Amino acid sequence: MAVARKHTPFASSKKAAASQIASHGIASFYTEGTNTASGDKFNTHELTAAHPTLPFGTRLRVTNVASGQSVTVRVNDRGPYVRGRVVDVSYAAAESLGMVGGGVAKVKLDVVH
């Protein structure tokens, strides 16, 4: 019983963090661009992402629902600008998610910081 009480606050805070954003949707990736909306120089080899509303610098865990592969990215850009998509990730992140061949993947999003 003491163990359950000890872990309950942790479970609640994780659930609250995950509910801050839409937790499921379609992700795509992009490889071109010079500067991001945050002012960073775009680098396709970094683990970064574009999200429409999360603050720049937010760490976001993106999980490919089909494969279970996940990667943590840093939000430094705005987008995606295609209806129905919830996040655009860099090419490096797309490779980690195993979605380069298909171009898009159904994903789960979790804010980690």
PDB file of N, CA and C in Angstrom:
ATOM      1  N   MET A   1       0.822  -1.189   0.000  1.00  0.00           N
ATOM      2  CA  MET A   1       0.000   0.000   0.000  1.00  0.00           C
ATOM      3  C   MET A   1       0.869   1.259   0.000  1.00  0.00           C
ATOM      4  N   ALA A   2       1.968   1.251   0.726  1.00  0.00           N
ATOM      5  CA  ALA A   2       2.863   2.406   0.726  1.00  0.00           C
ATOM      6  C   ALA A   2       3.449   2.626  -0.662  1.00  0.00           C
ATOM      7  N   VAL A   3       3.698   1.549  -1.388  1.00  0.00           N
ATOM      8  CA  VAL A   3       4.244   1.666  -2.734  1.00  0.00           C
ATOM      9  C   VAL A   3       3.238   2.353  -3.651  1.00  0.00           C
ATOM     10  N   ALA A   4       1.971   1.994  -3.546  1.00  0.00           N
ATOM     11  CA  ALA A   4       0.940   2.607  -4.390  1.00  0.00           C
ATOM     12  C   ALA A   4       0.843   4.106  -4.119  1.00  0.00           C
ATOM     13  N   ARG A   5       0.881   4.504  -2.854  1.00  0.00           N
ATOM     14  CA  ARG A   5       0.816   5.928  -2.522  1.00  0.00           C
ATOM     15  C   ARG A   5       2.045   6.652  -3.042  1.00  0.00           C
ATOM     16  N   LYS A   6       3.197   6.005  -2.960  1.00  0.00           N
ATOM     17  CA  LYS A   6       4.438   6.632  -3.403  1.00  0.00           C
ATOM     18  C   LYS A   6       4.416   6.890  -4.907  1.00  0.00           C
ATOM     19  N   HIS A   7       3.825   5.987  -5.699  1.00  0.00           N
ATOM     20  CA  HIS A   7       3.845   6.119  -7.148  1.00  0.00           C
ATOM     21  C   HIS A   7       2.665   6.895  -7.715  1.00  0.00           C
ATOM     22  N   THR A   8       1.613   7.077  -6.970  1.00  0.00           N
ATOM     23  CA  THR A   8       0.434   7.758  -7.485  1.00  0.00           C
ATOM     24  C   THR A   8       0.722   9.188  -7.961  1.00  0.00           C
ATOM     25  N   PRO A   9       1.444  10.029  -7.200  1.00  0.00           N
ATOM     26  CA  PRO A   9       1.712  11.388  -7.681  1.00  0.00           C
ATOM     27  C   PRO A   9       2.506  11.399  -8.985  1.00  0.00           C
ATOM     28  N   PHE A  10       3.459  10.483  -9.126  1.00  0.00           N
ATOM     29  CA  PHE A  10       4.268  10.422 -10.340  1.00  0.00           C
ATOM     30  C   PHE A  10       3.396  10.087 -11.541  1.00  0.00           C
ATOM     31  N   ALA A  11       2.511   9.124 -11.402  1.00  0.00           N
ATOM     32  CA  ALA A  11       1.623   8.730 -12.491  1.00  0.00           C
ATOM     33  C   ALA A  11       0.713   9.892 -12.876  1.00  0.00           C
ATOM     34  N   SER A  12       0.228  10.626 -11.915  1.00  0.00           N
ATOM     35  CA  SER A  12      -0.657  11.745 -12.200  1.00  0.00           C
ATOM     36  C   SER A  12       0.059  12.840 -12.968  1.00  0.00           C
ATOM     37  N   SER A  13       1.302  13.157 -12.592  1.00  0.00           N
ATOM     38  CA  SER A  13       2.017  14.222 -13.280  1.00  0.00           C
ATOM     39  C   SER A  13       2.367  13.811 -14.707  1.00  0.00           C
ATOM     40  N   LYS A  14       2.682  12.541 -14.952  1.00  0.00           N
ATOM     41  CA  LYS A  14       2.959  12.087 -16.312  1.00  0.00           C
ATOM     42  C   LYS A  14       1.710  12.200 -17.164  1.00  0.00           C
ATOM     43  N   LYS A  15       0.579  11.814 -16.612  1.00  0.00           N
ATOM     44  CA  LYS A  15      -0.682  11.873 -17.345  1.00  0.00           C
ATOM     45  C   LYS A  15      -1.022  13.331 -17.667  1.00  0.00           C
ATOM     46  N   ALA A  16      -0.780  14.225 -16.741  1.00  0.00           N
ATOM     47  CA  ALA A  16      -1.069  15.641 -16.961  1.00  0.00           C
ATOM     48  C   ALA A  16      -0.175  16.205 -18.055  1.00  0.00           C
ATOM     49  N   ALA A  17       1.099  15.848 -18.067  1.00  0.00           N
ATOM     50  CA  ALA A  17       2.014  16.349 -19.088  1.00  0.00           C
ATOM     51  C   ALA A  17       1.613  15.857 -20.462  1.00  0.00           C
ATOM     52  N   ALA A  18       1.225  14.613 -20.564  1.00  0.00           N
ATOM     53  CA  ALA A  18       0.851  14.045 -21.853  1.00  0.00           C
ATOM     54  C   ALA A  18      -0.423  14.676 -22.396  1.00  0.00           C
ATOM     55  N   SER A  19      -1.292  15.137 -21.517  1.00  0.00           N
ATOM     56  CA  SER A  19      -2.552  15.688 -21.975  1.00  0.00           C
ATOM     57  C   SER A  19      -2.426  17.143 -22.406  1.00  0.00           C
ATOM     58  N   GLN A  20      -1.250  17.745 -22.322  1.00  0.00           N
ATOM     59  CA  GLN A  20      -1.062  19.136 -22.715  1.00  0.00           C
ATOM     60  C   GLN A  20      -1.203  19.335 -24.224  1.00  0.00           C
ATOM     61  N   ILE A  21      -1.027  18.272 -25.005  1.00  0.00           N
ATOM     62  CA  ILE A  21      -1.107  18.378 -26.449  1.00  0.00           C
ATOM     63  C   ILE A  21      -1.936  17.233 -27.005  1.00  0.00           C
ATOM     64  N   ALA A  22      -2.280  17.315 -28.282  1.00  0.00           N
ATOM     65  CA  ALA A  22      -2.926  16.185 -28.946  1.00  0.00           C
ATOM     66  C   ALA A  22      -1.948  15.033 -28.911  1.00  0.00           C
ATOM     67  N   SER A  23      -2.360  13.914 -28.368  1.00  0.00           N
ATOM     68  CA  SER A  23      -1.408  12.839 -28.134  1.00  0.00           C
ATOM     69  C   SER A  23      -1.259  11.869 -29.294  1.00  0.00           C
ATOM     70  N   HIS A  24      -2.094  11.961 -30.320  1.00  0.00           N
ATOM     71  CA  HIS A  24      -1.994  11.063 -31.469  1.00  0.00           C
ATOM     72  C   HIS A  24      -2.233  11.834 -32.763  1.00  0.00           C
ATOM     73  N   GLY A  25      -1.628  11.377 -33.840  1.00  0.00           N
ATOM     74  CA  GLY A  25      -1.859  11.997 -35.137  1.00  0.00           C
ATOM     75  C   GLY A  25      -0.841  11.522 -36.154  1.00  0.00           C
ATOM     76  N   ILE A  26      -0.771  12.235 -37.267  1.00  0.00           N
ATOM     77  CA  ILE A  26       0.132  11.885 -38.355  1.00  0.00           C
ATOM     78  C   ILE A  26       1.349  12.809 -38.312  1.00  0.00           C
ATOM     79  N   ALA A  27       2.526  12.195 -38.419  1.00  0.00           N
ATOM     80  CA  ALA A  27       3.774  12.951 -38.490  1.00  0.00           C
ATOM     81  C   ALA A  27       4.337  12.841 -39.897  1.00  0.00           C
ATOM     82  N   SER A  28       5.037  13.877 -40.316  1.00  0.00           N
ATOM     83  CA  SER A  28       5.773  13.871 -41.565  1.00  0.00           C
ATOM     84  C   SER A  28       7.169  14.395 -41.256  1.00  0.00           C
ATOM     85  N   PHE A  29       8.036  14.402 -42.270  1.00  0.00           N
ATOM     86  CA  PHE A  29       9.363  14.957 -42.032  1.00  0.00           C
ATOM     87  C   PHE A  29       9.746  15.898 -43.148  1.00  0.00           C
ATOM     88  N   TYR A  30      10.698  16.773 -42.843  1.00  0.00           N
ATOM     89  CA  TYR A  30      11.161  17.711 -43.852  1.00  0.00           C
ATOM     90  C   TYR A  30      12.672  17.775 -43.850  1.00  0.00           C
ATOM     91  N   THR A  31      13.230  18.118 -45.013  1.00  0.00           N
ATOM     92  CA  THR A  31      14.689  18.096 -45.182  1.00  0.00           C
ATOM     93  C   THR A  31      15.231  19.404 -45.722  1.00  0.00           C
ATOM     94  N   GLU A  32      14.356  20.336 -46.046  1.00  0.00           N
ATOM     95  CA  GLU A  32      14.824  21.588 -46.635  1.00  0.00           C
ATOM     96  C   GLU A  32      14.392  22.781 -45.807  1.00  0.00           C
ATOM     97  N   GLY A  33      15.170  23.827 -45.925  1.00  0.00           N
ATOM     98  CA  GLY A  33      14.903  25.059 -45.213  1.00  0.00           C
ATOM     99  C   GLY A  33      16.218  25.641 -44.742  1.00  0.00           C
ATOM    100  N   THR A  34      16.227  26.925 -44.485  1.00  0.00           N
ATOM    101  CA  THR A  34      17.457  27.558 -44.039  1.00  0.00           C
ATOM    102  C   THR A  34      17.374  27.935 -42.568  1.00  0.00           C
ATOM    103  N   ASN A  35      16.328  28.637 -42.211  1.00  0.00           N
ATOM    104  CA  ASN A  35      16.149  29.026 -40.817  1.00  0.00           C
ATOM    105  C   ASN A  35      14.804  28.537 -40.313  1.00  0.00           C
ATOM    106  N   THR A  36      14.743  28.286 -39.010  1.00  0.00           N
ATOM    107  CA  THR A  36      13.495  27.855 -38.396  1.00  0.00           C
ATOM    108  C   THR A  36      12.772  29.073 -37.832  1.00  0.00           C
ATOM    109  N   ALA A  37      11.545  28.898 -37.424  1.00  0.00           N
ATOM    110  CA  ALA A  37      10.764  29.989 -36.842  1.00  0.00           C
ATOM    111  C   ALA A  37      11.389  30.520 -35.556  1.00  0.00           C
ATOM    112  N   SER A  38      12.185  29.680 -34.877  1.00  0.00           N
ATOM    113  CA  SER A  38      12.828  30.121 -33.639  1.00  0.00           C
ATOM    114  C   SER A  38      14.105  30.901 -33.908  1.00  0.00           C
ATOM    115  N   GLY A  39      14.552  30.937 -35.174  1.00  0.00           N
ATOM    116  CA  GLY A  39      15.787  31.630 -35.517  1.00  0.00           C
ATOM    117  C   GLY A  39      16.980  30.698 -35.644  1.00  0.00           C
ATOM    118  N   ASP A  40      16.827  29.422 -35.256  1.00  0.00           N
ATOM    119  CA  ASP A  40      17.905  28.443 -35.420  1.00  0.00           C
ATOM    120  C   ASP A  40      18.129  28.171 -36.899  1.00  0.00           C
ATOM    121  N   LYS A  41      19.356  27.835 -37.253  1.00  0.00           N
ATOM    122  CA  LYS A  41      19.626  27.372 -38.608  1.00  0.00           C
ATOM    123  C   LYS A  41      19.116  25.937 -38.700  1.00  0.00           C
ATOM    124  N   PHE A  42      18.336  25.624 -39.733  1.00  0.00           N
ATOM    125  CA  PHE A  42      17.794  24.275 -39.875  1.00  0.00           C
ATOM    126  C   PHE A  42      18.907  23.298 -40.188  1.00  0.00           C
ATOM    127  N   ASN A  43      18.936  22.178 -39.448  1.00  0.00           N
ATOM    128  CA  ASN A  43      19.921  21.123 -39.674  1.00  0.00           C
ATOM    129  C   ASN A  43      19.174  19.798 -39.690  1.00  0.00           C
ATOM    130  N   THR A  44      19.122  19.181 -40.851  1.00  0.00           N
ATOM    131  CA  THR A  44      18.377  17.936 -41.016  1.00  0.00           C
ATOM    132  C   THR A  44      18.948  16.784 -40.192  1.00  0.00           C
ATOM    133  N   HIS A  45      20.208  16.928 -39.716  1.00  0.00           N
ATOM    134  CA  HIS A  45      20.855  15.874 -38.937  1.00  0.00           C
ATOM    135  C   HIS A  45      20.598  15.987 -37.435  1.00  0.00           C
ATOM    136  N   GLU A  46      19.960  17.064 -36.992  1.00  0.00           N
ATOM    137  CA  GLU A  46      19.625  17.225 -35.577  1.00  0.00           C
ATOM    138  C   GLU A  46      18.246  16.643 -35.299  1.00  0.00           C
ATOM    139  N   LEU A  47      17.997  16.310 -34.043  1.00  0.00           N
ATOM    140  CA  LEU A  47      16.696  15.758 -33.639  1.00  0.00           C
ATOM    141  C   LEU A  47      15.779  16.910 -33.239  1.00  0.00           C
ATOM    142  N   THR A  48      15.130  17.498 -34.253  1.00  0.00           N
ATOM    143  CA  THR A  48      14.272  18.651 -34.031  1.00  0.00           C
ATOM    144  C   THR A  48      12.907  18.413 -34.656  1.00  0.00           C
ATOM    145  N   ALA A  49      11.970  19.331 -34.340  1.00  0.00           N
ATOM    146  CA  ALA A  49      10.613  19.182 -34.863  1.00  0.00           C
ATOM    147  C   ALA A  49       9.931  20.535 -34.996  1.00  0.00           C
ATOM    148  N   ALA A  50       8.913  20.543 -35.831  1.00  0.00           N
ATOM    149  CA  ALA A  50       8.026  21.692 -35.965  1.00  0.00           C
ATOM    150  C   ALA A  50       6.680  21.302 -35.383  1.00  0.00           C
ATOM    151  N   HIS A  51       6.167  22.155 -34.499  1.00  0.00           N
ATOM    152  CA  HIS A  51       4.862  21.935 -33.879  1.00  0.00           C
ATOM    153  C   HIS A  51       4.114  23.266 -33.920  1.00  0.00           C
ATOM    154  N   PRO A  52       2.798  23.233 -34.135  1.00  0.00           N
ATOM    155  CA  PRO A  52       2.069  24.493 -34.291  1.00  0.00           C
ATOM    156  C   PRO A  52       1.975  25.368 -33.045  1.00  0.00           C
ATOM    157  N   THR A  53       1.987  24.786 -31.840  1.00  0.00           N
ATOM    158  CA  THR A  53       1.718  25.601 -30.647  1.00  0.00           C
ATOM    159  C   THR A  53       2.695  25.443 -29.485  1.00  0.00           C
ATOM    160  N   LEU A  54       3.406  24.347 -29.387  1.00  0.00           N
ATOM    161  CA  LEU A  54       4.298  24.153 -28.242  1.00  0.00           C
ATOM    162  C   LEU A  54       5.424  25.187 -28.243  1.00  0.00           C
ATOM    163  N   PRO A  55       5.831  25.643 -27.057  1.00  0.00           N
ATOM    164  CA  PRO A  55       6.917  26.628 -26.987  1.00  0.00           C
ATOM    165  C   PRO A  55       8.229  26.075 -27.559  1.00  0.00           C
ATOM    166  N   PHE A  56       9.003  26.960 -28.171  1.00  0.00           N
ATOM    167  CA  PHE A  56      10.317  26.566 -28.653  1.00  0.00           C
ATOM    168  C   PHE A  56      11.139  26.043 -27.487  1.00  0.00           C
ATOM    169  N   GLY A  57      11.898  24.981 -27.729  1.00  0.00           N
ATOM    170  CA  GLY A  57      12.713  24.376 -26.687  1.00  0.00           C
ATOM    171  C   GLY A  57      12.044  23.199 -25.998  1.00  0.00           C
ATOM    172  N   THR A  58      10.742  23.018 -26.201  1.00  0.00           N
ATOM    173  CA  THR A  58      10.030  21.898 -25.590  1.00  0.00           C
ATOM    174  C   THR A  58      10.620  20.586 -26.092  1.00  0.00           C
ATOM    175  N   ARG A  59      10.851  19.661 -25.181  1.00  0.00           N
ATOM    176  CA  ARG A  59      11.299  18.312 -25.548  1.00  0.00           C
ATOM    177  C   ARG A  59      10.055  17.458 -25.721  1.00  0.00           C
ATOM    178  N   LEU A  60       9.985  16.788 -26.853  1.00  0.00           N
ATOM    179  CA  LEU A  60       8.800  16.036 -27.227  1.00  0.00           C
ATOM    180  C   LEU A  60       9.204  14.624 -27.623  1.00  0.00           C
ATOM    181  N   ARG A  61       8.598  13.627 -26.966  1.00  0.00           N
ATOM    182  CA  ARG A  61       8.852  12.234 -27.362  1.00  0.00           C
ATOM    183  C   ARG A  61       7.833  11.867 -28.427  1.00  0.00           C
ATOM    184  N   VAL A  62       8.341  11.463 -29.582  1.00  0.00           N
ATOM    185  CA  VAL A  62       7.495  11.061 -30.698  1.00  0.00           C
ATOM    186  C   VAL A  62       7.651   9.552 -30.847  1.00  0.00           C
ATOM    187  N   THR A  63       6.544   8.816 -30.792  1.00  0.00           N
ATOM    188  CA  THR A  63       6.567   7.360 -30.897  1.00  0.00           C
ATOM    189  C   THR A  63       5.778   6.918 -32.113  1.00  0.00           C
ATOM    190  N   ASN A  64       6.415   6.116 -32.964  1.00  0.00           N
ATOM    191  CA  ASN A  64       5.753   5.528 -34.127  1.00  0.00           C
ATOM    192  C   ASN A  64       4.833   4.432 -33.590  1.00  0.00           C
ATOM    193  N   VAL A  65       3.535   4.610 -33.731  1.00  0.00           N
ATOM    194  CA  VAL A  65       2.553   3.682 -33.168  1.00  0.00           C
ATOM    195  C   VAL A  65       2.705   2.276 -33.768  1.00  0.00           C
ATOM    196  N   ALA A  66       2.995   2.187 -35.052  1.00  0.00           N
ATOM    197  CA  ALA A  66       3.088   0.889 -35.722  1.00  0.00           C
ATOM    198  C   ALA A  66       4.311   0.085 -35.288  1.00  0.00           C
ATOM    199  N   SER A  67       5.457   0.754 -35.121  1.00  0.00           N
ATOM    200  CA  SER A  67       6.701   0.033 -34.829  1.00  0.00           C
ATOM    201  C   SER A  67       7.122   0.100 -33.367  1.00  0.00           C
ATOM    202  N   GLY A  68       6.620   1.086 -32.626  1.00  0.00           N
ATOM    203  CA  GLY A  68       7.038   1.273 -31.246  1.00  0.00           C
ATOM    204  C   GLY A  68       8.331   2.064 -31.119  1.00  0.00           C
ATOM    205  N   GLN A  69       8.964   2.418 -32.227  1.00  0.00           N
ATOM    206  CA  GLN A  69      10.201   3.194 -32.189  1.00  0.00           C
ATOM    207  C   GLN A  69       9.882   4.607 -31.728  1.00  0.00           C
ATOM    208  N   SER A  70      10.775   5.181 -30.900  1.00  0.00           N
ATOM    209  CA  SER A  70      10.536   6.543 -30.440  1.00  0.00           C
ATOM    210  C   SER A  70      11.824   7.343 -30.450  1.00  0.00           C
ATOM    211  N   VAL A  71      11.661   8.653 -30.444  1.00  0.00           N
ATOM    212  CA  VAL A  71      12.794   9.576 -30.437  1.00  0.00           C
ATOM    213  C   VAL A  71      12.347  10.828 -29.692  1.00  0.00           C
ATOM    214  N   THR A  72      13.268  11.455 -28.990  1.00  0.00           N
ATOM    215  CA  THR A  72      12.977  12.719 -28.325  1.00  0.00           C
ATOM    216  C   THR A  72      13.561  13.843 -29.169  1.00  0.00           C
ATOM    217  N   VAL A  73      12.714  14.799 -29.504  1.00  0.00           N
ATOM    218  CA  VAL A  73      13.111  15.920 -30.348  1.00  0.00           C
ATOM    219  C   VAL A  73      12.914  17.231 -29.594  1.00  0.00           C
ATOM    220  N   ARG A  74      13.551  18.283 -30.100  1.00  0.00           N
ATOM    221  CA  ARG A  74      13.404  19.622 -29.539  1.00  0.00           C
ATOM    222  C   ARG A  74      12.595  20.453 -30.533  1.00  0.00           C
ATOM    223  N   VAL A  75      11.509  21.063 -30.068  1.00  0.00           N
ATOM    224  CA  VAL A  75      10.679  21.905 -30.925  1.00  0.00           C
ATOM    225  C   VAL A  75      11.425  23.218 -31.183  1.00  0.00           C
ATOM    226  N   ASN A  76      11.720  23.491 -32.464  1.00  0.00           N
ATOM    227  CA  ASN A  76      12.387  24.745 -32.817  1.00  0.00           C
ATOM    228  C   ASN A  76      11.787  25.405 -34.058  1.00  0.00           C
ATOM    229  N   ASP A  77      10.634  24.896 -34.501  1.00  0.00           N
ATOM    230  CA  ASP A  77      10.020  25.435 -35.711  1.00  0.00           C
ATOM    231  C   ASP A  77       8.502  25.338 -35.603  1.00  0.00           C
ATOM    232  N   ARG A  78       7.812  26.000 -36.493  1.00  0.00           N
ATOM    233  CA  ARG A  78       6.347  25.961 -36.550  1.00  0.00           C
ATOM    234  C   ARG A  78       5.905  25.131 -37.751  1.00  0.00           C
ATOM    235  N   GLY A  79       4.783  24.513 -37.619  1.00  0.00           N
ATOM    236  CA  GLY A  79       4.243  23.650 -38.661  1.00  0.00           C
ATOM    237  C   GLY A  79       3.662  22.445 -37.948  1.00  0.00           C
ATOM    238  N   PRO A  80       3.250  21.461 -38.630  1.00  0.00           N
ATOM    239  CA  PRO A  80       3.198  21.334 -40.086  1.00  0.00           C
ATOM    240  C   PRO A  80       2.059  22.148 -40.672  1.00  0.00           C
ATOM    241  N   TYR A  81       2.170  22.412 -41.959  1.00  0.00           N
ATOM    242  CA  TYR A  81       1.166  23.210 -42.646  1.00  0.00           C
ATOM    243  C   TYR A  81       0.313  22.369 -43.587  1.00  0.00           C
ATOM    244  N   VAL A  82       0.266  21.079 -43.330  1.00  0.00           N
ATOM    245  CA  VAL A  82      -0.581  20.166 -44.093  1.00  0.00           C
ATOM    246  C   VAL A  82      -1.698  19.703 -43.163  1.00  0.00           C
ATOM    247  N   ARG A  83      -2.921  19.868 -43.595  1.00  0.00           N
ATOM    248  CA  ARG A  83      -4.082  19.521 -42.770  1.00  0.00           C
ATOM    249  C   ARG A  83      -4.008  18.066 -42.307  1.00  0.00           C
ATOM    250  N   GLY A  84      -4.304  17.848 -41.028  1.00  0.00           N
ATOM    251  CA  GLY A  84      -4.341  16.506 -40.476  1.00  0.00           C
ATOM    252  C   GLY A  84      -3.020  16.034 -39.868  1.00  0.00           C
ATOM    253  N   ARG A  85      -1.970  16.805 -40.034  1.00  0.00           N
ATOM    254  CA  ARG A  85      -0.672  16.411 -39.464  1.00  0.00           C
ATOM    255  C   ARG A  85      -0.428  17.174 -38.168  1.00  0.00           C
ATOM    256  N   VAL A  86       0.179  16.482 -37.185  1.00  0.00           N
ATOM    257  CA  VAL A  86       0.373  17.082 -35.870  1.00  0.00           C
ATOM    258  C   VAL A  86       1.805  17.513 -35.605  1.00  0.00           C
ATOM    259  N   VAL A  87       2.769  16.976 -36.353  1.00  0.00           N
ATOM    260  CA  VAL A  87       4.168  17.328 -36.132  1.00  0.00           C
ATOM    261  C   VAL A  87       4.966  17.027 -37.398  1.00  0.00           C
ATOM    262  N   ASP A  88       5.967  17.865 -37.655  1.00  0.00           N
ATOM    263  CA  ASP A  88       6.976  17.612 -38.685  1.00  0.00           C
ATOM    264  C   ASP A  88       8.278  17.375 -37.949  1.00  0.00           C
ATOM    265  N   VAL A  89       8.985  16.319 -38.306  1.00  0.00           N
ATOM    266  CA  VAL A  89      10.267  16.036 -37.657  1.00  0.00           C
ATOM    267  C   VAL A  89      11.386  16.159 -38.676  1.00  0.00           C
ATOM    268  N   SER A  90      12.601  16.342 -38.187  1.00  0.00           N
ATOM    269  CA  SER A  90      13.767  16.397 -39.063  1.00  0.00           C
ATOM    270  C   SER A  90      14.029  15.024 -39.669  1.00  0.00           C
ATOM    271  N   TYR A  91      14.855  14.989 -40.705  1.00  0.00           N
ATOM    272  CA  TYR A  91      15.182  13.725 -41.353  1.00  0.00           C
ATOM    273  C   TYR A  91      15.810  12.749 -40.362  1.00  0.00           C
ATOM    274  N   ALA A  92      16.702  13.241 -39.494  1.00  0.00           N
ATOM    275  CA  ALA A  92      17.355  12.373 -38.505  1.00  0.00           C
ATOM    276  C   ALA A  92      16.329  11.737 -37.577  1.00  0.00           C
ATOM    277  N   ALA A  93      15.340  12.515 -37.150  1.00  0.00           N
ATOM    278  CA  ALA A  93      14.287  11.978 -36.286  1.00  0.00           C
ATOM    279  C   ALA A  93      13.432  10.977 -37.053  1.00  0.00           C
ATOM    280  N   ALA A  94      13.143  11.280 -38.321  1.00  0.00           N
ATOM    281  CA  ALA A  94      12.352  10.365 -39.149  1.00  0.00           C
ATOM    282  C   ALA A  94      13.068   9.023 -39.315  1.00  0.00           C
ATOM    283  N   GLU A  95      14.387   9.060 -39.471  1.00  0.00           N
ATOM    284  CA  GLU A  95      15.160   7.816 -39.551  1.00  0.00           C
ATOM    285  C   GLU A  95      15.020   7.011 -38.271  1.00  0.00           C
ATOM    286  N   SER A  96      15.119   7.683 -37.125  1.00  0.00           N
ATOM    287  CA  SER A  96      14.986   7.006 -35.832  1.00  0.00           C
ATOM    288  C   SER A  96      13.604   6.387 -35.658  1.00  0.00           C
ATOM    289  N   LEU A  97      12.604   6.995 -36.270  1.00  0.00           N
ATOM    290  CA  LEU A  97      11.235   6.502 -36.168  1.00  0.00           C
ATOM    291  C   LEU A  97      10.910   5.449 -37.221  1.00  0.00           C
ATOM    292  N   GLY A  98      11.810   5.247 -38.166  1.00  0.00           N
ATOM    293  CA  GLY A  98      11.576   4.264 -39.227  1.00  0.00           C
ATOM    294  C   GLY A  98      10.506   4.685 -40.208  1.00  0.00           C
ATOM    295  N   MET A  99      10.387   5.999 -40.467  1.00  0.00           N
ATOM    296  CA  MET A  99       9.319   6.485 -41.331  1.00  0.00           C
ATOM    297  C   MET A  99       9.804   7.128 -42.623  1.00  0.00           C
ATOM    298  N   VAL A 100      11.098   7.033 -42.909  1.00  0.00           N
ATOM    299  CA  VAL A 100      11.636   7.683 -44.097  1.00  0.00           C
ATOM    300  C   VAL A 100      11.023   7.107 -45.374  1.00  0.00           C
ATOM    301  N   GLY A 101      10.909   5.803 -45.465  1.00  0.00           N
ATOM    302  CA  GLY A 101      10.365   5.172 -46.666  1.00  0.00           C
ATOM    303  C   GLY A 101       8.938   5.575 -46.970  1.00  0.00           C
ATOM    304  N   GLY A 102       8.096   5.628 -45.948  1.00  0.00           N
ATOM    305  CA  GLY A 102       6.689   5.963 -46.143  1.00  0.00           C
ATOM    306  C   GLY A 102       6.402   7.446 -46.168  1.00  0.00           C
ATOM    307  N   GLY A 103       7.294   8.241 -45.596  1.00  0.00           N
ATOM    308  CA  GLY A 103       7.114   9.689 -45.576  1.00  0.00           C
ATOM    309  C   GLY A 103       6.255  10.210 -44.448  1.00  0.00           C
ATOM    310  N   VAL A 104       5.323   9.403 -43.980  1.00  0.00           N
ATOM    311  CA  VAL A 104       4.455   9.783 -42.865  1.00  0.00           C
ATOM    312  C   VAL A 104       4.276   8.568 -41.958  1.00  0.00           C
ATOM    313  N   ALA A 105       3.864   8.827 -40.728  1.00  0.00           N
ATOM    314  CA  ALA A 105       3.588   7.736 -39.786  1.00  0.00           C
ATOM    315  C   ALA A 105       2.581   8.207 -38.761  1.00  0.00           C
ATOM    316  N   LYS A 106       1.781   7.271 -38.267  1.00  0.00           N
ATOM    317  CA  LYS A 106       0.875   7.561 -37.161  1.00  0.00           C
ATOM    318  C   LYS A 106       1.736   7.556 -35.901  1.00  0.00           C
ATOM    319  N   VAL A 107       1.642   8.626 -35.103  1.00  0.00           N
ATOM    320  CA  VAL A 107       2.501   8.772 -33.944  1.00  0.00           C
ATOM    321  C   VAL A 107       1.722   9.147 -32.689  1.00  0.00           C
ATOM    322  N   LYS A 108       2.392   8.954 -31.578  1.00  0.00           N
ATOM    323  CA  LYS A 108       1.912   9.401 -30.266  1.00  0.00           C
ATOM    324  C   LYS A 108       2.915  10.440 -29.792  1.00  0.00           C
ATOM    325  N   LEU A 109       2.429  11.543 -29.239  1.00  0.00           N
ATOM    326  CA  LEU A 109       3.281  12.612 -28.735  1.00  0.00           C
ATOM    327  C   LEU A 109       3.194  12.720 -27.231  1.00  0.00           C
ATOM    328  N   ASP A 110       4.337  12.873 -26.583  1.00  0.00           N
ATOM    329  CA  ASP A 110       4.391  13.095 -25.135  1.00  0.00           C
ATOM    330  C   ASP A 110       5.379  14.212 -24.840  1.00  0.00           C
ATOM    331  N   VAL A 111       4.967  15.213 -24.090  1.00  0.00           N
ATOM    332  CA  VAL A 111       5.881  16.262 -23.663  1.00  0.00           C
ATOM    333  C   VAL A 111       6.747  15.694 -22.551  1.00  0.00           C
ATOM    334  N   VAL A 112       8.069  15.765 -22.699  1.00  0.00           N
ATOM    335  CA  VAL A 112       8.961  15.252 -21.660  1.00  0.00           C
ATOM    336  C   VAL A 112       9.644  16.367 -20.882  1.00  0.00           C
ATOM    337  N   HIS A 113       9.639  17.589 -21.405  1.00  0.00           N
ATOM    338  CA  HIS A 113      10.193  18.739 -20.667  1.00  0.00           C
ATOM    339  C   HIS A 113       9.802  20.010 -21.363  1.00  0.00           C
TER     340      HIS A 113
END
